[in-house]
Amino acid sequence: MSSRELARAWDRVAELEEELRQLRHEVFGEEMHVHRLRVNLGLTDNQARIVMCLYRAEGKTVAAHKLMHARVRSRRNYSASDYSLSLSNVYICKIRAVLGPDAIETHRNAGYAMTPLWIRTIKGILNEE
């Protein structure tokens, strides 16, 4: 095999790996990512969903009620108490206990944001580099 053919083959491998990544995301969606976070970081399902919400925001502030929406999105029946702001504080506190105090920033009266270090860490766990 010539070096040109080998280079084309490696380019094709890279294309196929990208297609596979996209198909996995389509087929398994966020649940695959939630599972990876649970396994790799020791989070609960709800904690992992909140971390995914913060990760997807890419460092931007996410309001507490949106985090609670991410937590209950997978359930059909939920009540107003599922959106409690004090409950969001509890979840953030428990997530910080697992990930460390530097994982999530609090933006007073606005919400929460994931730090750049943890965005990179999560990206690595999810193989999205």
Protein backbone atom coordinates (compact mmCIF):
# COMPACT_ATOMS: atom_id res chain seq x y z
CA MET A 1 0.00 0.00 0.00
CA SER A 2 1.45 3.34 -1.02
CA SER A 3 1.69 6.26 1.39
CA ARG A 4 -1.06 8.08 -0.57
CA GLU A 5 -3.41 5.09 -0.23
CA LEU A 6 -2.57 4.79 3.44
CA ALA A 7 -3.31 8.49 3.99
CA ARG A 8 -6.68 8.09 2.21
CA ALA A 9 -7.46 5.03 4.32
CA TRP A 10 -6.74 6.95 7.54
CA ASP A 11 -8.89 9.85 6.32
CA ARG A 12 -11.71 7.38 5.68
CA VAL A 13 -11.26 5.90 9.17
CA ALA A 14 -11.59 9.38 10.66
CA GLU A 15 -14.76 10.00 8.61
CA LEU A 16 -16.27 6.69 9.72
CA GLU A 17 -15.42 7.36 13.37
CA GLU A 18 -17.21 10.72 13.13
CA GLU A 19 -20.24 9.08 11.49
CA LEU A 20 -20.28 6.44 14.24
CA ARG A 21 -20.14 9.12 16.93
CA GLN A 22 -23.07 10.95 15.34
CA LEU A 23 -25.11 7.77 14.95
CA ARG A 24 -24.49 6.76 18.55
CA HIS A 25 -25.67 10.17 19.68
CA GLU A 26 -28.81 9.90 17.54
CA VAL A 27 -29.60 6.36 18.62
CA PHE A 28 -28.81 6.60 22.29
CA GLY A 29 -29.16 10.36 22.79
CA GLU A 30 -28.42 11.95 26.11
CA GLU A 31 -29.02 8.72 28.04
CA MET A 32 -25.74 7.29 26.81
CA HIS A 33 -23.96 10.39 28.10
CA VAL A 34 -25.85 10.24 31.39
CA HIS A 35 -24.76 6.62 31.78
CA ARG A 36 -21.10 7.50 31.08
CA LEU A 37 -21.17 10.26 33.69
CA ARG A 38 -22.79 7.93 36.22
CA VAL A 39 -20.17 5.24 35.67
CA ASN A 40 -17.11 7.49 35.44
CA LEU A 41 -17.96 10.08 38.09
CA GLY A 42 -20.25 8.21 40.49
CA LEU A 43 -23.25 10.49 39.94
CA THR A 44 -26.91 9.56 40.21
CA ASP A 45 -29.12 9.75 37.10
CA ASN A 46 -30.56 13.10 38.14
CA GLN A 47 -27.16 14.53 39.04
CA ALA A 48 -25.76 13.37 35.68
CA ARG A 49 -28.66 15.01 33.82
CA ILE A 50 -27.98 18.30 35.61
CA VAL A 51 -24.25 18.03 34.83
CA MET A 52 -25.13 17.38 31.15
CA CYS A 53 -27.33 20.48 31.13
CA LEU A 54 -24.48 22.59 32.52
CA TYR A 55 -21.99 20.99 30.14
CA ARG A 56 -24.17 21.67 27.09
CA ALA A 57 -24.40 25.35 28.13
CA GLU A 58 -20.61 25.56 27.56
CA GLY A 59 -19.86 27.76 30.56
CA LYS A 60 -22.89 30.01 30.21
CA THR A 61 -25.17 30.53 33.20
CA VAL A 62 -28.14 28.17 33.44
CA ALA A 63 -31.10 29.19 35.58
CA ALA A 64 -31.93 26.87 38.46
CA HIS A 65 -35.42 26.10 37.12
CA LYS A 66 -33.89 24.92 33.82
CA LEU A 67 -31.63 22.54 35.74
CA MET A 68 -34.69 21.13 37.47
CA HIS A 69 -36.40 20.77 34.10
CA ALA A 70 -33.42 18.74 32.85
CA ARG A 71 -33.76 16.51 35.90
CA VAL A 72 -37.44 15.69 35.35
CA ARG A 73 -37.42 15.67 31.54
CA SER A 74 -37.22 11.89 31.39
CA ARG A 75 -40.30 11.37 33.60
CA ARG A 76 -43.88 11.66 32.39
CA ASN A 77 -45.48 12.80 35.64
CA TYR A 78 -43.96 15.50 37.77
CA SER A 79 -45.22 18.21 40.04
CA ALA A 80 -44.39 21.84 40.72
CA SER A 81 -42.19 20.74 43.62
CA ASP A 82 -39.87 19.12 41.07
CA TYR A 83 -38.88 22.64 40.01
CA SER A 84 -38.14 23.96 43.51
CA LEU A 85 -35.19 26.36 43.60
CA SER A 86 -34.12 25.08 47.01
CA LEU A 87 -34.07 21.58 45.51
CA SER A 88 -31.70 22.83 42.81
CA ASN A 89 -29.38 24.10 45.55
CA VAL A 90 -29.40 20.64 47.13
CA TYR A 91 -28.54 18.98 43.83
CA ILE A 92 -25.72 21.42 43.11
CA CYS A 93 -24.34 20.86 46.61
CA LYS A 94 -24.40 17.07 46.13
CA ILE A 95 -22.79 17.34 42.71
CA ARG A 96 -20.04 19.54 44.16
CA ALA A 97 -19.50 16.92 46.87
CA VAL A 98 -18.76 14.38 44.11
CA LEU A 99 -16.91 16.55 41.57
CA GLY A 100 -15.32 19.09 43.90
CA PRO A 101 -16.12 22.69 44.79
CA ASP A 102 -14.42 24.02 41.66
CA ALA A 103 -16.72 22.21 39.20
CA ILE A 104 -19.71 24.56 39.25
CA GLU A 105 -19.81 28.32 39.75
CA THR A 106 -22.76 30.04 41.41
CA HIS A 107 -23.96 33.21 39.72
CA ARG A 108 -26.06 34.82 42.42
CA ASN A 109 -29.71 35.39 41.43
CA ALA A 110 -28.95 34.04 37.95
CA GLY A 111 -28.06 30.35 38.18
CA TYR A 112 -25.06 28.09 37.78
CA ALA A 113 -22.28 27.51 35.25
CA MET A 114 -19.74 24.75 34.73
CA THR A 115 -16.10 25.80 34.95
CA PRO A 116 -13.83 25.48 31.87
CA LEU A 117 -11.76 22.76 33.57
CA TRP A 118 -14.83 20.60 34.10
CA ILE A 119 -16.15 21.29 30.61
CA ARG A 120 -12.89 19.82 29.28
CA THR A 121 -13.10 16.93 31.77
CA ILE A 122 -16.67 16.06 30.76
CA LYS A 123 -15.76 16.37 27.08
CA GLY A 124 -13.03 13.80 27.62
CA ILE A 125 -15.35 11.43 29.47
CA LEU A 126 -17.92 11.68 26.69
CA ASN A 127 -15.24 11.23 24.00
CA GLU A 128 -16.29 14.45 22.30
CA GLU A 129 -12.78 15.73 21.69
